[in-house]
Protein backbone atom coordinates (compact mmCIF):
# COMPACT_ATOMS: atom_id res chain seq x y z
CA UNK A 1 -0.16 0.03 0.02
CA UNK A 2 1.14 3.24 -1.07
CA UNK A 3 1.40 6.19 1.81
CA UNK A 4 2.24 4.07 4.67
CA UNK A 5 3.94 5.58 7.80
CA UNK A 6 7.58 5.90 8.03
CA UNK A 7 7.52 3.41 11.37
CA UNK A 8 5.80 0.96 9.29
CA UNK A 9 8.17 1.27 6.78
CA UNK A 10 11.22 0.90 8.67
CA UNK A 11 9.70 -2.07 10.60
CA UNK A 12 9.07 -3.96 7.57
CA UNK A 13 12.50 -3.11 6.10
CA UNK A 14 14.25 -4.79 9.11
CA UNK A 15 11.95 -7.60 9.20
CA UNK A 16 12.99 -8.27 5.61
CA UNK A 17 16.64 -9.09 6.67
CA UNK A 18 19.84 -7.28 5.46
CA UNK A 19 19.55 -5.58 2.20
CA UNK A 20 22.38 -5.14 -0.41
CA UNK A 21 20.90 -2.44 -1.98
CA UNK A 22 20.48 0.91 -0.20
CA UNK A 23 17.22 2.27 -1.29
CA UNK A 24 15.52 5.60 0.14
CA UNK A 25 12.09 4.29 0.85
CA UNK A 26 10.33 7.65 1.89
CA UNK A 27 12.99 8.51 3.88
CA UNK A 28 13.89 5.00 5.21
CA UNK A 29 17.45 3.95 4.15
CA UNK A 30 17.40 0.17 3.58
CA UNK A 31 21.20 -0.20 3.89
CA UNK A 32 22.77 3.01 5.40
CA UNK A 33 25.89 1.03 6.55
CA UNK A 34 26.68 -0.47 3.19
CA UNK A 35 30.58 -1.20 2.93
CA UNK A 36 30.18 0.61 -0.56
CA UNK A 37 28.30 3.45 0.70
CA UNK A 38 25.46 4.67 -1.03
CA UNK A 39 25.24 1.53 -3.29
CA UNK A 40 24.17 1.13 -6.14
CA UNK A 41 23.38 4.76 -6.29
CA UNK A 42 26.88 5.78 -6.73
CA UNK A 43 27.32 3.32 -9.20
CA UNK A 44 24.41 4.53 -11.11
CA UNK A 45 25.47 8.26 -10.93
CA UNK A 46 28.51 7.03 -13.12
CA UNK A 47 26.79 5.68 -16.04
CA UNK A 48 23.22 6.77 -15.88
CA UNK A 49 23.71 9.07 -18.89
CA UNK A 50 24.78 6.32 -21.33
CA UNK A 51 21.31 4.90 -20.71
CA UNK A 52 18.26 6.49 -22.60
CA UNK A 53 16.63 9.11 -20.45
CA UNK A 54 13.12 8.56 -22.05
CA UNK A 55 12.09 4.91 -22.07
CA UNK A 56 8.42 5.46 -22.52
CA UNK A 57 6.67 2.47 -23.82
CA UNK A 58 9.98 0.46 -23.85
CA UNK A 59 10.08 -3.01 -22.18
CA UNK A 60 13.04 -3.97 -19.57
CA UNK A 61 14.40 -6.91 -18.05
CA UNK A 62 16.50 -6.70 -14.98
CA UNK A 63 18.27 -9.93 -14.56
CA UNK A 64 19.52 -10.55 -11.11
CA UNK A 65 17.34 -7.41 -9.85
CA UNK A 66 18.35 -8.05 -6.01
CA UNK A 67 16.16 -5.34 -4.31
CA UNK A 68 15.02 -3.64 -7.49
CA UNK A 69 17.26 -0.59 -7.51
CA UNK A 70 17.55 -0.37 -11.31
CA UNK A 71 14.12 -1.79 -11.83
CA UNK A 72 13.04 1.35 -10.06
CA UNK A 73 15.22 3.48 -12.18
CA UNK A 74 14.13 1.99 -15.42
CA UNK A 75 10.49 2.55 -14.29
CA UNK A 76 11.22 6.26 -13.37
CA UNK A 77 12.50 6.77 -16.82
CA UNK A 78 9.10 5.76 -18.30
CA UNK A 79 9.56 2.16 -19.14
CA UNK A 80 6.31 0.53 -19.79
CA UNK A 81 6.92 -3.10 -18.62
CA UNK A 82 9.60 -4.07 -16.08
CA UNK A 83 10.18 -7.43 -15.29
CA UNK A 84 12.85 -8.10 -12.41
CA UNK A 85 14.08 -11.80 -12.14
CA UNK A 86 16.10 -13.29 -9.24
CA UNK A 87 16.83 -16.49 -7.70
CA UNK A 88 16.80 -15.36 -3.94
CA UNK A 89 13.55 -15.19 -2.48
CA UNK A 90 14.60 -12.57 0.18
CA UNK A 91 15.77 -10.19 -2.77
CA UNK A 92 12.45 -10.77 -4.24
CA UNK A 93 10.41 -9.95 -1.19
CA UNK A 94 12.50 -6.80 -0.72
CA UNK A 95 12.02 -5.72 -4.27
CA UNK A 96 8.05 -6.16 -4.29
CA UNK A 97 8.03 -4.07 -0.89
CA UNK A 98 10.25 -1.46 -2.28
CA UNK A 99 8.09 -1.12 -5.44
CA UNK A 100 5.04 -1.12 -3.28
CA UNK A 101 6.32 1.59 -1.29
CA UNK A 102 7.25 3.77 -4.74
CA UNK A 103 3.94 2.66 -6.24
CA UNK A 104 5.49 1.30 -9.07
CA UNK A 105 4.16 -1.39 -11.38
CA UNK A 106 7.16 -3.56 -11.59
CA UNK A 107 6.80 -7.46 -11.76
CA UNK A 108 9.14 -9.58 -9.90
CA UNK A 109 9.78 -13.36 -10.59
CA UNK A 110 12.03 -16.10 -9.41
CA UNK A 111 14.15 -17.27 -12.45
CA UNK A 112 17.57 -18.42 -12.97
CA UNK A 113 19.71 -16.62 -15.85
CA UNK A 114 20.21 -19.90 -17.09
CA UNK A 115 16.24 -20.09 -17.78
CA UNK A 116 15.52 -16.94 -19.47
CA UNK A 117 14.56 -18.88 -22.50
CA UNK A 118 11.14 -19.81 -20.58
CA UNK A 119 10.15 -16.00 -20.68
CA UNK A 120 9.55 -16.38 -24.33
CA UNK A 121 9.97 -12.72 -25.12
CA UNK A 122 12.54 -10.33 -26.04
CA UNK A 123 13.19 -6.92 -24.18
CA UNK A 124 14.03 -3.49 -25.43
CA UNK A 125 16.56 -3.24 -22.90
CA UNK A 126 18.19 -5.84 -20.32
CA UNK A 127 20.22 -5.05 -17.45
CA UNK A 128 22.78 -7.55 -16.40
CA UNK A 129 24.23 -5.88 -13.40
CA UNK A 130 26.40 -7.72 -10.84
CA UNK A 131 25.58 -11.45 -11.76
CA UNK A 132 28.11 -12.61 -14.01
CA UNK A 133 30.92 -13.10 -11.35
CA UNK A 134 28.46 -15.35 -9.20
CA UNK A 135 27.73 -17.83 -11.98
CA UNK A 136 29.68 -21.25 -12.61
CA UNK A 137 28.99 -20.72 -16.59
CA UNK A 138 29.23 -17.15 -17.32
CA UNK A 139 29.62 -17.32 -21.07
CA UNK A 140 26.77 -19.75 -21.20
CA UNK A 141 24.65 -17.10 -19.74
CA UNK A 142 25.63 -14.33 -21.98
CA UNK A 143 24.81 -16.75 -24.90
CA UNK A 144 21.44 -17.64 -23.40
CA UNK A 145 20.81 -13.71 -22.73
CA UNK A 146 21.56 -12.90 -26.43
CA UNK A 147 19.72 -15.52 -27.88
CA UNK A 148 16.35 -15.56 -25.99
CA UNK A 149 15.66 -12.04 -24.33
CA UNK A 150 18.03 -9.18 -25.73
CA UNK A 151 15.76 -7.45 -28.26
CA UNK A 152 18.18 -4.32 -28.57
CA UNK A 153 20.35 -2.94 -25.52
CA UNK A 154 22.12 -4.87 -23.06
CA UNK A 155 23.83 -3.20 -20.08
CA UNK A 156 26.18 -5.22 -18.42
CA UNK A 157 28.13 -4.94 -15.20
CA UNK A 158 30.45 -7.27 -13.28
CA UNK A 159 33.14 -7.04 -10.48
CA UNK A 160 36.36 -6.88 -12.22
CA UNK A 161 40.18 -7.39 -11.00
CA UNK A 162 43.33 -6.80 -12.88
CA UNK A 163 43.87 -3.83 -15.19
CA UNK A 164 41.29 -1.69 -16.85
CA UNK A 165 43.38 -1.58 -19.95
CA UNK A 166 41.94 -3.06 -23.03
CA UNK A 167 44.72 -4.14 -25.62
CA UNK A 168 44.22 -4.81 -29.29
CA UNK A 169 44.04 -8.42 -29.80
CA UNK A 170 44.80 -10.11 -33.27
CA UNK A 171 42.38 -12.88 -34.57
CA UNK A 172 44.85 -15.51 -34.29
CA UNK A 173 48.30 -16.23 -32.92
CA UNK A 174 50.77 -18.92 -33.63
CA UNK A 175 51.20 -22.00 -31.14
CA UNK A 176 54.65 -20.58 -29.99
CA UNK A 177 53.62 -17.09 -29.43
CA UNK A 178 52.67 -16.49 -25.88
CA UNK A 179 54.00 -12.98 -24.90
CA UNK A 180 50.58 -11.61 -25.41
CA UNK A 181 49.11 -13.65 -22.47
CA UNK A 182 51.14 -11.60 -20.14
CA UNK A 183 49.97 -8.29 -21.44
CA UNK A 184 47.62 -6.64 -18.53
CA UNK A 185 45.20 -5.67 -21.11
CA UNK A 186 44.88 -9.15 -22.60
CA UNK A 187 41.42 -10.56 -21.61
CA UNK A 188 41.81 -12.56 -18.41
CA UNK A 189 39.53 -14.30 -16.05
CA UNK A 190 40.34 -15.05 -12.53
CA UNK A 191 38.95 -18.11 -10.95
CA UNK A 192 38.03 -18.02 -7.37
CA UNK A 193 38.10 -21.63 -6.08
CA UNK A 194 37.15 -20.66 -2.38
CA UNK A 195 35.69 -17.53 -1.23
CA UNK A 196 36.36 -13.74 -2.12
CA UNK A 197 35.11 -10.97 0.43
CA UNK A 198 33.57 -13.74 2.37
CA UNK A 199 31.27 -14.73 -0.28
CA UNK A 200 31.11 -18.53 -1.55
CA UNK A 201 29.22 -17.36 -4.75
CA UNK A 202 32.13 -15.22 -6.03
CA UNK A 203 33.44 -17.37 -8.54
CA UNK A 204 35.16 -15.18 -11.35
CA UNK A 205 36.93 -11.79 -11.71
CA UNK A 206 37.45 -10.81 -15.01
CA UNK A 207 39.44 -7.82 -16.18
CA UNK A 208 38.21 -5.22 -18.33
CA UNK A 209 39.40 -6.58 -21.59
CA UNK A 210 37.98 -10.19 -20.54
CA UNK A 211 34.48 -8.69 -20.18
CA UNK A 212 34.52 -6.86 -23.34
CA UNK A 213 35.90 -10.09 -25.26
CA UNK A 214 32.99 -12.32 -23.70
CA UNK A 215 30.49 -9.86 -24.69
CA UNK A 216 31.66 -9.72 -28.29
CA UNK A 217 31.94 -13.66 -28.42
CA UNK A 218 28.42 -13.59 -27.44
CA UNK A 219 27.13 -11.81 -30.10
CA UNK A 220 27.06 -8.13 -28.92
CA UNK A 221 28.66 -4.98 -30.07
CA UNK A 222 29.96 -2.32 -27.38
CA UNK A 223 28.54 0.88 -27.87
CA UNK A 224 29.50 2.57 -24.87
CA UNK A 225 32.03 2.01 -21.81
CA UNK A 226 31.04 4.90 -19.67
CA UNK A 227 32.39 3.39 -16.35
CA UNK A 228 35.17 0.86 -15.70
CA UNK A 229 32.78 -1.88 -15.29
CA UNK A 230 29.86 -0.96 -17.32
CA UNK A 231 29.44 -1.77 -21.08
CA UNK A 232 26.67 -0.82 -23.07
CA UNK A 233 26.00 -3.19 -25.84
CA UNK A 234 23.58 -3.85 -28.93
CA UNK A 235 22.63 -7.42 -29.79
CA UNK A 236 23.93 -7.48 -33.63
CA UNK A 237 24.00 -11.59 -34.53
CA UNK A 238 25.13 -14.79 -33.53
CA UNK A 239 27.94 -15.75 -31.08
CA UNK A 240 31.25 -17.26 -32.47
CA UNK A 241 31.10 -20.72 -33.97
CA UNK A 242 33.54 -22.32 -31.33
CA UNK A 243 31.47 -23.03 -28.57
CA UNK A 244 32.12 -26.74 -26.90
CA UNK A 245 29.05 -26.72 -25.07
CA UNK A 246 25.23 -27.16 -26.64
CA UNK A 247 24.42 -23.53 -26.16
CA UNK A 248 23.07 -23.21 -29.61
CA UNK A 249 22.88 -25.35 -32.94
CA UNK A 250 26.12 -25.54 -34.73
CA UNK A 251 26.12 -23.78 -38.10
CA UNK A 252 25.76 -26.96 -39.95
CA UNK A 253 22.60 -27.75 -38.03
CA UNK A 254 23.88 -30.96 -36.46
CA UNK A 255 23.55 -30.30 -33.10
CA UNK A 256 20.11 -31.32 -31.86
CA UNK A 257 20.47 -29.58 -28.65
CA UNK A 258 18.79 -25.98 -28.06
CA UNK A 259 19.75 -23.07 -25.75
CA UNK A 260 16.71 -23.89 -23.42
CA UNK A 261 18.12 -27.30 -22.93
CA UNK A 262 21.47 -26.12 -21.95
CA UNK A 263 22.29 -26.10 -18.09
């Protein structure tokens, strides 16, 4: 219900447990002591200019929506349909409550990124923010997003470690050429076997060049890179032909698997 008292909002915020998104719910901060400060607002302010200011009538899919900060921002820009998906029940409860307080018509569903094909629709804007490094199979996720839900724009963000440089990379190298692997700007993905920052779901930490290369490999054209971890992309076609998992039919049509079957 819209117009609830500050005391009611505060009690509900506390009852919903620890929040990762610091939202301002009618004067109640959901995560005022966040270790990243006013997050994700501090991140959003660094790249908001790269997202269309007027989304009137556009559809938006927010993958890994958490408590719904970006879903709310897209609705604020006039998006007609906003769908947020996450696989954490607590985050979804928080997001639904935040949307209720804000009076925002946003749909939230429990869904894995690996199951986006089940949505059966493409969206004008897809947000994939802060998810890739939590996935066991990150490139598969990008392939599925490309093949099933992106209609035009993809906004990508990942925790990154290593260099922010993006070095030019040749299409091919000889077997005995290996110096480029040591270039800080060569695409690299760090694998986290245990935990990072106390979180056992932090599996990967790409550098900036790796984020860019994976996006291109999955069939996206990078049109803006407004912040070190943010890439704004357009869907331009199929991914590379070299996938060794059944994420899509092979060009010769002999692979009977579809993206929806890949797990």
